[in-house]
Structures are given as structure tokens and as C-alpha cells.
Amino acid sequence: MLKYKNYIGIVEYDEVGKVFTGEVAGIRSVITFHGRTPEELEQSFRDSIDLYLEMCAEDGVSPEKSYSGRFNVRIPPQLHREIARKAVIEGKSMNDLVEEALQKIV
């Protein structure tokens, strides 16, 4: 995994072509990169992100952000109630309580 300017690149190795290939994760736009060495791969990743940001600026559009930190989860009302109750008891927001639970998973 590569990181640059808040974007994340996922990398695979192509044994046939003897090249590393990657794609930026978490956005709808398709941004790819490649390299035969780790250094080439990293430079290609950075160059691809920079080019994407330049193109967005030229077109007057906002670049997509990778993983905004927000997502919706549908849960049963009873579970929602219990989470809210536990948050009040612990003096936390529901968001903080759920974030702590998710941190334990990953």
C-alpha cells in the first residue's frame, strides 16, 4: 500500500510482465500506476496523483477525496437504542463509542 497527498494506492505484482501495477483506492475515478522497481512504482504513483490533481484544477472541478471518514451503516433499531444508551452511560457520543469498537476490529 502506498500513501501520497491523502490518497492510497493498492499494489499487485504481475509475474508475467514482471511489473508492479497499482490503482488508487477509495475514489470513483480510475487512477493507475506501474513500475518495475519499488522506486519506479512510488514515483509513478506520485506522478499519477499529481497529474490527476492538475487535470482537476484545469477543468475547474474538485478532486475526489479518498475515504472521507464518513459512512452510513444500517442496524436494527434495538441495537441503535442500546448503542445510544451505552454512550450516555459512558459519557461519550455514539460516534466515539462506535469508533472505539471499530478500532478494536482493525
PDB file of N, CA and C in Angstrom:
ATOM      1  N   MET A   1       0.847  -1.169   0.000  1.00  0.00           N
ATOM      2  CA  MET A   1       0.000   0.000   0.000  1.00  0.00           C
ATOM      3  C   MET A   1       0.894   1.234   0.000  1.00  0.00           C
ATOM      4  N   LEU A   2       0.501   2.211  -0.810  1.00  0.00           N
ATOM      5  CA  LEU A   2       1.238   3.473  -0.893  1.00  0.00           C
ATOM      6  C   LEU A   2       0.332   4.613  -0.454  1.00  0.00           C
ATOM      7  N   LYS A   3       0.918   5.663   0.111  1.00  0.00           N
ATOM      8  CA  LYS A   3       0.153   6.837   0.530  1.00  0.00           C
ATOM      9  C   LYS A   3       0.843   8.085  -0.001  1.00  0.00           C
ATOM     10  N   TYR A   4       0.012   9.015  -0.514  1.00  0.00           N
ATOM     11  CA  TYR A   4       0.540  10.286  -1.008  1.00  0.00           C
ATOM     12  C   TYR A   4      -0.613  11.273  -1.092  1.00  0.00           C
ATOM     13  N   LYS A   5      -0.445  12.440  -0.491  1.00  0.00           N
ATOM     14  CA  LYS A   5      -1.455  13.503  -0.512  1.00  0.00           C
ATOM     15  C   LYS A   5      -2.846  12.987  -0.146  1.00  0.00           C
ATOM     16  N   ASN A   6      -2.917  12.179   0.881  1.00  0.00           N
ATOM     17  CA  ASN A   6      -4.181  11.607   1.377  1.00  0.00           C
ATOM     18  C   ASN A   6      -4.843  10.639   0.406  1.00  0.00           C
ATOM     19  N   TYR A   7      -4.099  10.116  -0.545  1.00  0.00           N
ATOM     20  CA  TYR A   7      -4.602   9.076  -1.442  1.00  0.00           C
ATOM     21  C   TYR A   7      -3.866   7.782  -1.112  1.00  0.00           C
ATOM     22  N   ILE A   8      -4.556   6.681  -1.345  1.00  0.00           N
ATOM     23  CA  ILE A   8      -3.994   5.369  -1.052  1.00  0.00           C
ATOM     24  C   ILE A   8      -3.914   4.566  -2.342  1.00  0.00           C
ATOM     25  N   GLY A   9      -2.769   3.964  -2.579  1.00  0.00           N
ATOM     26  CA  GLY A   9      -2.576   3.115  -3.755  1.00  0.00           C
ATOM     27  C   GLY A   9      -2.445   1.662  -3.341  1.00  0.00           C
ATOM     28  N   ILE A  10      -3.185   0.814  -4.013  1.00  0.00           N
ATOM     29  CA  ILE A  10      -3.128  -0.623  -3.779  1.00  0.00           C
ATOM     30  C   ILE A  10      -2.291  -1.233  -4.899  1.00  0.00           C
ATOM     31  N   VAL A  11      -1.342  -2.084  -4.543  1.00  0.00           N
ATOM     32  CA  VAL A  11      -0.350  -2.593  -5.498  1.00  0.00           C
ATOM     33  C   VAL A  11      -0.458  -4.110  -5.659  1.00  0.00           C
ATOM     34  N   GLU A  12      -0.260  -4.577  -6.885  1.00  0.00           N
ATOM     35  CA  GLU A  12      -0.155  -6.009  -7.187  1.00  0.00           C
ATOM     36  C   GLU A  12       1.091  -6.219  -8.025  1.00  0.00           C
ATOM     37  N   TYR A  13       1.568  -7.448  -8.055  1.00  0.00           N
ATOM     38  CA  TYR A  13       2.718  -7.768  -8.891  1.00  0.00           C
ATOM     39  C   TYR A  13       2.270  -8.661 -10.033  1.00  0.00           C
ATOM     40  N   ASP A  14       2.615  -8.275 -11.248  1.00  0.00           N
ATOM     41  CA  ASP A  14       2.299  -9.049 -12.441  1.00  0.00           C
ATOM     42  C   ASP A  14       3.527  -9.907 -12.768  1.00  0.00           C
ATOM     43  N   GLU A  15       3.445 -11.203 -12.451  1.00  0.00           N
ATOM     44  CA  GLU A  15       4.576 -12.106 -12.675  1.00  0.00           C
ATOM     45  C   GLU A  15       4.925 -12.255 -14.150  1.00  0.00           C
ATOM     46  N   VAL A  16       3.912 -12.234 -14.993  1.00  0.00           N
ATOM     47  CA  VAL A  16       4.149 -12.394 -16.433  1.00  0.00           C
ATOM     48  C   VAL A  16       4.900 -11.194 -16.988  1.00  0.00           C
ATOM     49  N   GLY A  17       4.410 -10.008 -16.690  1.00  0.00           N
ATOM     50  CA  GLY A  17       5.039  -8.794 -17.198  1.00  0.00           C
ATOM     51  C   GLY A  17       6.202  -8.302 -16.361  1.00  0.00           C
ATOM     52  N   LYS A  18       6.412  -8.950 -15.217  1.00  0.00           N
ATOM     53  CA  LYS A  18       7.496  -8.555 -14.307  1.00  0.00           C
ATOM     54  C   LYS A  18       7.413  -7.067 -13.970  1.00  0.00           C
ATOM     55  N   VAL A  19       6.208  -6.638 -13.572  1.00  0.00           N
ATOM     56  CA  VAL A  19       5.980  -5.236 -13.258  1.00  0.00           C
ATOM     57  C   VAL A  19       4.984  -5.124 -12.104  1.00  0.00           C
ATOM     58  N   PHE A  20       5.185  -4.117 -11.282  1.00  0.00           N
ATOM     59  CA  PHE A  20       4.222  -3.796 -10.239  1.00  0.00           C
ATOM     60  C   PHE A  20       3.163  -2.892 -10.855  1.00  0.00           C
ATOM     61  N   THR A  21       1.897  -3.169 -10.585  1.00  0.00           N
ATOM     62  CA  THR A  21       0.819  -2.313 -11.056  1.00  0.00           C
ATOM     63  C   THR A  21      -0.022  -1.902  -9.863  1.00  0.00           C
ATOM     64  N   GLY A  22      -0.638  -0.757  -9.964  1.00  0.00           N
ATOM     65  CA  GLY A  22      -1.461  -0.301  -8.856  1.00  0.00           C
ATOM     66  C   GLY A  22      -2.590   0.584  -9.307  1.00  0.00           C
ATOM     67  N   GLU A  23      -3.511   0.805  -8.371  1.00  0.00           N
ATOM     68  CA  GLU A  23      -4.661   1.660  -8.608  1.00  0.00           C
ATOM     69  C   GLU A  23      -4.964   2.421  -7.322  1.00  0.00           C
ATOM     70  N   VAL A  24      -5.401   3.663  -7.475  1.00  0.00           N
ATOM     71  CA  VAL A  24      -5.781   4.463  -6.316  1.00  0.00           C
ATOM     72  C   VAL A  24      -7.123   3.951  -5.806  1.00  0.00           C
ATOM     73  N   ALA A  25      -7.188   3.712  -4.511  1.00  0.00           N
ATOM     74  CA  ALA A  25      -8.393   3.161  -3.887  1.00  0.00           C
ATOM     75  C   ALA A  25      -9.245   4.274  -3.284  1.00  0.00           C
ATOM     76  N   GLY A  26     -10.545   3.998  -3.198  1.00  0.00           N
ATOM     77  CA  GLY A  26     -11.443   4.875  -2.468  1.00  0.00           C
ATOM     78  C   GLY A  26     -12.042   6.026  -3.243  1.00  0.00           C
ATOM     79  N   ILE A  27     -11.821   6.071  -4.570  1.00  0.00           N
ATOM     80  CA  ILE A  27     -12.442   7.110  -5.390  1.00  0.00           C
ATOM     81  C   ILE A  27     -13.041   6.462  -6.628  1.00  0.00           C
ATOM     82  N   ARG A  28     -13.993   7.182  -7.243  1.00  0.00           N
ATOM     83  CA  ARG A  28     -14.635   6.636  -8.445  1.00  0.00           C
ATOM     84  C   ARG A  28     -13.738   6.742  -9.672  1.00  0.00           C
ATOM     85  N   SER A  29     -12.948   7.797  -9.752  1.00  0.00           N
ATOM     86  CA  SER A  29     -12.032   7.961 -10.881  1.00  0.00           C
ATOM     87  C   SER A  29     -11.023   6.824 -10.882  1.00  0.00           C
ATOM     88  N   VAL A  30     -10.629   6.424 -12.072  1.00  0.00           N
ATOM     89  CA  VAL A  30      -9.644   5.351 -12.192  1.00  0.00           C
ATOM     90  C   VAL A  30      -8.276   5.981 -12.399  1.00  0.00           C
ATOM     91  N   ILE A  31      -7.406   5.794 -11.423  1.00  0.00           N
ATOM     92  CA  ILE A  31      -6.037   6.299 -11.490  1.00  0.00           C
ATOM     93  C   ILE A  31      -5.120   5.102 -11.294  1.00  0.00           C
ATOM     94  N   THR A  32      -4.333   4.808 -12.305  1.00  0.00           N
ATOM     95  CA  THR A  32      -3.440   3.657 -12.243  1.00  0.00           C
ATOM     96  C   THR A  32      -1.983   4.120 -12.308  1.00  0.00           C
ATOM     97  N   PHE A  33      -1.095   3.210 -11.945  1.00  0.00           N
ATOM     98  CA  PHE A  33       0.335   3.498 -11.972  1.00  0.00           C
ATOM     99  C   PHE A  33       1.077   2.169 -12.056  1.00  0.00           C
ATOM    100  N   HIS A  34       2.352   2.232 -12.436  1.00  0.00           N
ATOM    101  CA  HIS A  34       3.129   0.992 -12.553  1.00  0.00           C
ATOM    102  C   HIS A  34       4.623   1.290 -12.455  1.00  0.00           C
ATOM    103  N   GLY A  35       5.398   0.242 -12.233  1.00  0.00           N
ATOM    104  CA  GLY A  35       6.849   0.376 -12.200  1.00  0.00           C
ATOM    105  C   GLY A  35       7.507  -0.983 -12.067  1.00  0.00           C
ATOM    106  N   ARG A  36       8.710  -1.091 -12.559  1.00  0.00           N
ATOM    107  CA  ARG A  36       9.454  -2.350 -12.466  1.00  0.00           C
ATOM    108  C   ARG A  36      10.203  -2.479 -11.138  1.00  0.00           C
ATOM    109  N   THR A  37      10.465  -1.356 -10.505  1.00  0.00           N
ATOM    110  CA  THR A  37      11.132  -1.373  -9.199  1.00  0.00           C
ATOM    111  C   THR A  37      10.229  -0.646  -8.195  1.00  0.00           C
ATOM    112  N   PRO A  38      10.455  -0.867  -6.915  1.00  0.00           N
ATOM    113  CA  PRO A  38       9.673  -0.124  -5.924  1.00  0.00           C
ATOM    114  C   PRO A  38       9.810   1.394  -6.091  1.00  0.00           C
ATOM    115  N   GLU A  39      11.006   1.851  -6.449  1.00  0.00           N
ATOM    116  CA  GLU A  39      11.218   3.281  -6.640  1.00  0.00           C
ATOM    117  C   GLU A  39      10.418   3.807  -7.835  1.00  0.00           C
ATOM    118  N   GLU A  40      10.430   3.065  -8.941  1.00  0.00           N
ATOM    119  CA  GLU A  40       9.641   3.454 -10.119  1.00  0.00           C
ATOM    120  C   GLU A  40       8.153   3.459  -9.794  1.00  0.00           C
ATOM    121  N   LEU A  41       7.727   2.460  -9.049  1.00  0.00           N
ATOM    122  CA  LEU A  41       6.322   2.346  -8.668  1.00  0.00           C
ATOM    123  C   LEU A  41       5.902   3.554  -7.833  1.00  0.00           C
ATOM    124  N   GLU A  42       6.692   3.900  -6.817  1.00  0.00           N
ATOM    125  CA  GLU A  42       6.370   5.040  -5.966  1.00  0.00           C
ATOM    126  C   GLU A  42       6.339   6.340  -6.755  1.00  0.00           C
ATOM    127  N   GLN A  43       7.291   6.520  -7.654  1.00  0.00           N
ATOM    128  CA  GLN A  43       7.320   7.745  -8.458  1.00  0.00           C
ATOM    129  C   GLN A  43       6.121   7.804  -9.391  1.00  0.00           C
ATOM    130  N   SER A  44       5.776   6.683  -9.998  1.00  0.00           N
ATOM    131  CA  SER A  44       4.621   6.625 -10.884  1.00  0.00           C
ATOM    132  C   SER A  44       3.328   6.932 -10.123  1.00  0.00           C
ATOM    133  N   PHE A  45       3.221   6.431  -8.895  1.00  0.00           N
ATOM    134  CA  PHE A  45       2.069   6.706  -8.048  1.00  0.00           C
ATOM    135  C   PHE A  45       1.951   8.208  -7.783  1.00  0.00           C
ATOM    136  N   ARG A  46       3.045   8.818  -7.344  1.00  0.00           N
ATOM    137  CA  ARG A  46       3.036  10.260  -7.068  1.00  0.00           C
ATOM    138  C   ARG A  46       2.735  11.068  -8.326  1.00  0.00           C
ATOM    139  N   ASP A  47       3.359  10.690  -9.448  1.00  0.00           N
ATOM    140  CA  ASP A  47       3.120  11.397 -10.704  1.00  0.00           C
ATOM    141  C   ASP A  47       1.652  11.292 -11.126  1.00  0.00           C
ATOM    142  N   SER A  48       1.053  10.112 -10.953  1.00  0.00           N
ATOM    143  CA  SER A  48      -0.351   9.920 -11.335  1.00  0.00           C
ATOM    144  C   SER A  48      -1.276  10.782 -10.485  1.00  0.00           C
ATOM    145  N   ILE A  49      -1.004  10.856  -9.185  1.00  0.00           N
ATOM    146  CA  ILE A  49      -1.815  11.697  -8.295  1.00  0.00           C
ATOM    147  C   ILE A  49      -1.653  13.163  -8.687  1.00  0.00           C
ATOM    148  N   ASP A  50      -0.412  13.596  -8.898  1.00  0.00           N
ATOM    149  CA  ASP A  50      -0.167  14.991  -9.271  1.00  0.00           C
ATOM    150  C   ASP A  50      -0.862  15.338 -10.588  1.00  0.00           C
ATOM    151  N   LEU A  51      -0.806  14.438 -11.564  1.00  0.00           N
ATOM    152  CA  LEU A  51      -1.464  14.664 -12.849  1.00  0.00           C
ATOM    153  C   LEU A  51      -2.975  14.757 -12.663  1.00  0.00           C
ATOM    154  N   TYR A  52      -3.544  13.876 -11.869  1.00  0.00           N
ATOM    155  CA  TYR A  52      -4.977  13.902 -11.586  1.00  0.00           C
ATOM    156  C   TYR A  52      -5.367  15.253 -10.972  1.00  0.00           C
ATOM    157  N   LEU A  53      -4.603  15.712  -9.996  1.00  0.00           N
ATOM    158  CA  LEU A  53      -4.908  16.981  -9.339  1.00  0.00           C
ATOM    159  C   LEU A  53      -4.763  18.156 -10.301  1.00  0.00           C
ATOM    160  N   GLU A  54      -3.757  18.117 -11.187  1.00  0.00           N
ATOM    161  CA  GLU A  54      -3.583  19.162 -12.205  1.00  0.00           C
ATOM    162  C   GLU A  54      -4.769  19.185 -13.163  1.00  0.00           C
ATOM    163  N   MET A  55      -5.207  18.000 -13.601  1.00  0.00           N
ATOM    164  CA  MET A  55      -6.334  17.922 -14.535  1.00  0.00           C
ATOM    165  C   MET A  55      -7.615  18.449 -13.884  1.00  0.00           C
ATOM    166  N   CYS A  56      -7.818  18.128 -12.627  1.00  0.00           N
ATOM    167  CA  CYS A  56      -8.993  18.642 -11.904  1.00  0.00           C
ATOM    168  C   CYS A  56      -8.953  20.163 -11.847  1.00  0.00           C
ATOM    169  N   ALA A  57      -7.774  20.720 -11.556  1.00  0.00           N
ATOM    170  CA  ALA A  57      -7.624  22.174 -11.475  1.00  0.00           C
ATOM    171  C   ALA A  57      -7.893  22.821 -12.834  1.00  0.00           C
ATOM    172  N   GLU A  58      -7.344  22.233 -13.893  1.00  0.00           N
ATOM    173  CA  GLU A  58      -7.551  22.764 -15.239  1.00  0.00           C
ATOM    174  C   GLU A  58      -9.020  22.727 -15.642  1.00  0.00           C
ATOM    175  N   ASP A  59      -9.729  21.663 -15.226  1.00  0.00           N
ATOM    176  CA  ASP A  59     -11.140  21.508 -15.574  1.00  0.00           C
ATOM    177  C   ASP A  59     -12.059  22.249 -14.607  1.00  0.00           C
ATOM    178  N   GLY A  60     -11.499  22.817 -13.557  1.00  0.00           N
ATOM    179  CA  GLY A  60     -12.298  23.546 -12.580  1.00  0.00           C
ATOM    180  C   GLY A  60     -13.216  22.667 -11.749  1.00  0.00           C
ATOM    181  N   VAL A  61     -12.790  21.423 -11.503  1.00  0.00           N
ATOM    182  CA  VAL A  61     -13.588  20.510 -10.673  1.00  0.00           C
ATOM    183  C   VAL A  61     -12.802  20.146  -9.411  1.00  0.00           C
ATOM    184  N   SER A  62     -13.536  19.843  -8.376  1.00  0.00           N
ATOM    185  CA  SER A  62     -12.889  19.432  -7.131  1.00  0.00           C
ATOM    186  C   SER A  62     -12.441  17.985  -7.242  1.00  0.00           C
ATOM    187  N   PRO A  63     -11.208  17.694  -6.870  1.00  0.00           N
ATOM    188  CA  PRO A  63     -10.756  16.302  -6.907  1.00  0.00           C
ATOM    189  C   PRO A  63     -11.505  15.473  -5.869  1.00  0.00           C
ATOM    190  N   GLU A  64     -11.726  14.222  -6.206  1.00  0.00           N
ATOM    191  CA  GLU A  64     -12.353  13.322  -5.249  1.00  0.00           C
ATOM    192  C   GLU A  64     -11.396  13.105  -4.090  1.00  0.00           C
ATOM    193  N   LYS A  65     -11.961  12.931  -2.929  1.00  0.00           N
ATOM    194  CA  LYS A  65     -11.148  12.648  -1.754  1.00  0.00           C
ATOM    195  C   LYS A  65     -11.242  11.165  -1.449  1.00  0.00           C
ATOM    196  N   SER A  66     -10.118  10.609  -1.094  1.00  0.00           N
ATOM    197  CA  SER A  66     -10.060   9.200  -0.758  1.00  0.00           C
ATOM    198  C   SER A  66     -10.512   8.999   0.674  1.00  0.00           C
ATOM    199  N   TYR A  67     -11.548   8.224   0.856  1.00  0.00           N
ATOM    200  CA  TYR A  67     -12.053   7.884   2.187  1.00  0.00           C
ATOM    201  C   TYR A  67     -12.278   9.128   3.044  1.00  0.00           C
ATOM    202  N   SER A  68     -13.472   9.634   2.973  1.00  0.00           N
ATOM    203  CA  SER A  68     -13.819  10.860   3.681  1.00  0.00           C
ATOM    204  C   SER A  68     -13.876  10.675   5.191  1.00  0.00           C
ATOM    205  N   GLY A  69     -13.980   9.438   5.644  1.00  0.00           N
ATOM    206  CA  GLY A  69     -14.124   9.204   7.074  1.00  0.00           C
ATOM    207  C   GLY A  69     -15.581   9.113   7.501  1.00  0.00           C
ATOM    208  N   ARG A  70     -16.466   9.153   6.535  1.00  0.00           N
ATOM    209  CA  ARG A  70     -17.893   9.047   6.822  1.00  0.00           C
ATOM    210  C   ARG A  70     -18.471   7.872   6.043  1.00  0.00           C
ATOM    211  N   PHE A  71     -19.309   7.090   6.721  1.00  0.00           N
ATOM    212  CA  PHE A  71     -20.059   6.052   6.032  1.00  0.00           C
ATOM    213  C   PHE A  71     -21.307   5.734   6.840  1.00  0.00           C
ATOM    214  N   ASN A  72     -22.342   5.343   6.147  1.00  0.00           N
ATOM    215  CA  ASN A  72     -23.607   5.022   6.803  1.00  0.00           C
ATOM    216  C   ASN A  72     -23.710   3.523   7.009  1.00  0.00           C
ATOM    217  N   VAL A  73     -24.228   3.148   8.164  1.00  0.00           N
ATOM    218  CA  VAL A  73     -24.419   1.740   8.481  1.00  0.00           C
ATOM    219  C   VAL A  73     -25.864   1.563   8.923  1.00  0.00           C
ATOM    220  N   ARG A  74     -26.541   0.592   8.353  1.00  0.00           N
ATOM    221  CA  ARG A  74     -27.911   0.295   8.770  1.00  0.00           C
ATOM    222  C   ARG A  74     -27.868  -0.819   9.804  1.00  0.00           C
ATOM    223  N   ILE A  75     -28.500  -0.561  10.948  1.00  0.00           N
ATOM    224  CA  ILE A  75     -28.549  -1.544  12.026  1.00  0.00           C
ATOM    225  C   ILE A  75     -29.982  -1.630  12.543  1.00  0.00           C
ATOM    226  N   PRO A  76     -30.308  -2.698  13.203  1.00  0.00           N
ATOM    227  CA  PRO A  76     -31.653  -2.820  13.769  1.00  0.00           C
ATOM    228  C   PRO A  76     -31.907  -1.723  14.815  1.00  0.00           C
ATOM    229  N   PRO A  77     -33.137  -1.225  14.899  1.00  0.00           N
ATOM    230  CA  PRO A  77     -33.459  -0.164  15.869  1.00  0.00           C
ATOM    231  C   PRO A  77     -33.079  -0.523  17.311  1.00  0.00           C
ATOM    232  N   GLN A  78     -33.249  -1.773  17.691  1.00  0.00           N
ATOM    233  CA  GLN A  78     -32.904  -2.169  19.062  1.00  0.00           C
ATOM    234  C   GLN A  78     -31.404  -1.991  19.327  1.00  0.00           C
ATOM    235  N   LEU A  79     -30.575  -2.366  18.357  1.00  0.00           N
ATOM    236  CA  LEU A  79     -29.133  -2.184  18.512  1.00  0.00           C
ATOM    237  C   LEU A  79     -28.796  -0.701  18.580  1.00  0.00           C
ATOM    238  N   HIS A  80     -29.428   0.103  17.748  1.00  0.00           N
ATOM    239  CA  HIS A  80     -29.226   1.551  17.760  1.00  0.00           C
ATOM    240  C   HIS A  80     -29.550   2.106  19.155  1.00  0.00           C
ATOM    241  N   ARG A  81     -30.645   1.672  19.711  1.00  0.00           N
ATOM    242  CA  ARG A  81     -31.073   2.101  21.040  1.00  0.00           C
ATOM    243  C   ARG A  81     -30.026   1.719  22.090  1.00  0.00           C
ATOM    244  N   GLU A  82     -29.526   0.483  22.025  1.00  0.00           N
ATOM    245  CA  GLU A  82     -28.542   0.010  23.002  1.00  0.00           C
ATOM    246  C   GLU A  82     -27.212   0.759  22.889  1.00  0.00           C
ATOM    247  N   ILE A  83     -26.820   1.072  21.671  1.00  0.00           N
ATOM    248  CA  ILE A  83     -25.584   1.842  21.468  1.00  0.00           C
ATOM    249  C   ILE A  83     -25.749   3.243  22.063  1.00  0.00           C
ATOM    250  N   ALA A  84     -26.883   3.872  21.781  1.00  0.00           N
ATOM    251  CA  ALA A  84     -27.152   5.211  22.317  1.00  0.00           C
ATOM    252  C   ALA A  84     -27.162   5.181  23.844  1.00  0.00           C
ATOM    253  N   ARG A  85     -27.779   4.166  24.409  1.00  0.00           N
ATOM    254  CA  ARG A  85     -27.846   4.015  25.869  1.00  0.00           C
ATOM    255  C   ARG A  85     -26.446   3.865  26.459  1.00  0.00           C
ATOM    256  N   LYS A  86     -25.638   2.991  25.879  1.00  0.00           N
ATOM    257  CA  LYS A  86     -24.279   2.758  26.388  1.00  0.00           C
ATOM    258  C   LYS A  86     -23.440   4.031  26.269  1.00  0.00           C
ATOM    259  N   ALA A  87     -23.605   4.778  25.185  1.00  0.00           N
ATOM    260  CA  ALA A  87     -22.859   6.023  25.004  1.00  0.00           C
ATOM    261  C   ALA A  87     -23.200   7.015  26.112  1.00  0.00           C
ATOM    262  N   VAL A  88     -24.479   7.140  26.438  1.00  0.00           N
ATOM    263  CA  VAL A  88     -24.893   8.047  27.514  1.00  0.00           C
ATOM    264  C   VAL A  88     -24.285   7.604  28.844  1.00  0.00           C
ATOM    265  N   ILE A  89     -24.348   6.334  29.113  1.00  0.00           N
ATOM    266  CA  ILE A  89     -23.804   5.798  30.376  1.00  0.00           C
ATOM    267  C   ILE A  89     -22.306   6.082  30.489  1.00  0.00           C
ATOM    268  N   GLU A  90     -21.589   5.933  29.369  1.00  0.00           N
ATOM    269  CA  GLU A  90     -20.135   6.140  29.381  1.00  0.00           C
ATOM    270  C   GLU A  90     -19.741   7.604  29.185  1.00  0.00           C
ATOM    271  N   GLY A  91     -20.754   8.478  28.978  1.00  0.00           N
ATOM    272  CA  GLY A  91     -20.458   9.898  28.793  1.00  0.00           C
ATOM    273  C   GLY A  91     -19.758  10.196  27.486  1.00  0.00           C
ATOM    274  N   LYS A  92     -20.072   9.419  26.450  1.00  0.00           N
ATOM    275  CA  LYS A  92     -19.450   9.572  25.137  1.00  0.00           C
ATOM    276  C   LYS A  92     -20.521   9.818  24.092  1.00  0.00           C
ATOM    277  N   SER A  93     -20.089  10.278  22.942  1.00  0.00           N
ATOM    278  CA  SER A  93     -21.019  10.358  21.813  1.00  0.00           C
ATOM    279  C   SER A  93     -21.136   8.961  21.211  1.00  0.00           C
ATOM    280  N   MET A  94     -22.215   8.731  20.488  1.00  0.00           N
ATOM    281  CA  MET A  94     -22.359   7.441  19.796  1.00  0.00           C
ATOM    282  C   MET A  94     -21.212   7.256  18.814  1.00  0.00           C
ATOM    283  N   ASN A  95     -20.826   8.325  18.141  1.00  0.00           N
ATOM    284  CA  ASN A  95     -19.738   8.246  17.174  1.00  0.00           C
ATOM    285  C   ASN A  95     -18.448   7.767  17.846  1.00  0.00           C
ATOM    286  N   ASP A  96     -18.119   8.352  18.990  1.00  0.00           N
ATOM    287  CA  ASP A  96     -16.894   7.948  19.702  1.00  0.00           C
ATOM    288  C   ASP A  96     -16.961   6.483  20.124  1.00  0.00           C
ATOM    289  N   LEU A  97     -18.124   6.068  20.608  1.00  0.00           N
ATOM    290  CA  LEU A  97     -18.282   4.689  21.053  1.00  0.00           C
ATOM    291  C   LEU A  97     -18.104   3.703  19.889  1.00  0.00           C
ATOM    292  N   VAL A  98     -18.733   4.006  18.768  1.00  0.00           N
ATOM    293  CA  VAL A  98     -18.631   3.126  17.599  1.00  0.00           C
ATOM    294  C   VAL A  98     -17.216   3.152  17.031  1.00  0.00           C
ATOM    295  N   GLU A  99     -16.588   4.328  17.005  1.00  0.00           N
ATOM    296  CA  GLU A  99     -15.206   4.413  16.516  1.00  0.00           C
ATOM    297  C   GLU A  99     -14.280   3.538  17.352  1.00  0.00           C
ATOM    298  N   GLU A 100     -14.442   3.570  18.667  1.00  0.00           N
ATOM    299  CA  GLU A 100     -13.617   2.728  19.544  1.00  0.00           C
ATOM    300  C   GLU A 100     -13.832   1.249  19.242  1.00  0.00           C
ATOM    301  N   ALA A 101     -15.080   0.864  19.015  1.00  0.00           N
ATOM    302  CA  ALA A 101     -15.384  -0.543  18.702  1.00  0.00           C
ATOM    303  C   ALA A 101     -14.741  -0.942  17.373  1.00  0.00           C
ATOM    304  N   LEU A 102     -14.804  -0.086  16.394  1.00  0.00           N
ATOM    305  CA  LEU A 102     -14.209  -0.388  15.082  1.00  0.00           C
ATOM    306  C   LEU A 102     -12.684  -0.444  15.169  1.00  0.00           C
ATOM    307  N   GLN A 103     -12.080   0.410  15.979  1.00  0.00           N
ATOM    308  CA  GLN A 103     -10.625   0.357  16.159  1.00  0.00           C
ATOM    309  C   GLN A 103     -10.179  -0.987  16.695  1.00  0.00           C
ATOM    310  N   LYS A 104     -10.974  -1.597  17.549  1.00  0.00           N
ATOM    311  CA  LYS A 104     -10.635  -2.908  18.115  1.00  0.00           C
ATOM    312  C   LYS A 104     -10.670  -3.991  17.034  1.00  0.00           C
ATOM    313  N   ILE A 105     -11.501  -3.816  16.035  1.00  0.00           N
ATOM    314  CA  ILE A 105     -11.621  -4.796  14.950  1.00  0.00           C
ATOM    315  C   ILE A 105     -10.397  -4.774  14.033  1.00  0.00           C
ATOM    316  N   VAL A 106      -9.947  -3.568  13.720  1.00  0.00           N
ATOM    317  CA  VAL A 106      -8.836  -3.454  12.770  1.00  0.00           C
ATOM    318  C   VAL A 106      -7.524  -3.392  13.512  1.00  0.00           C
TER     319      VAL A 106
END
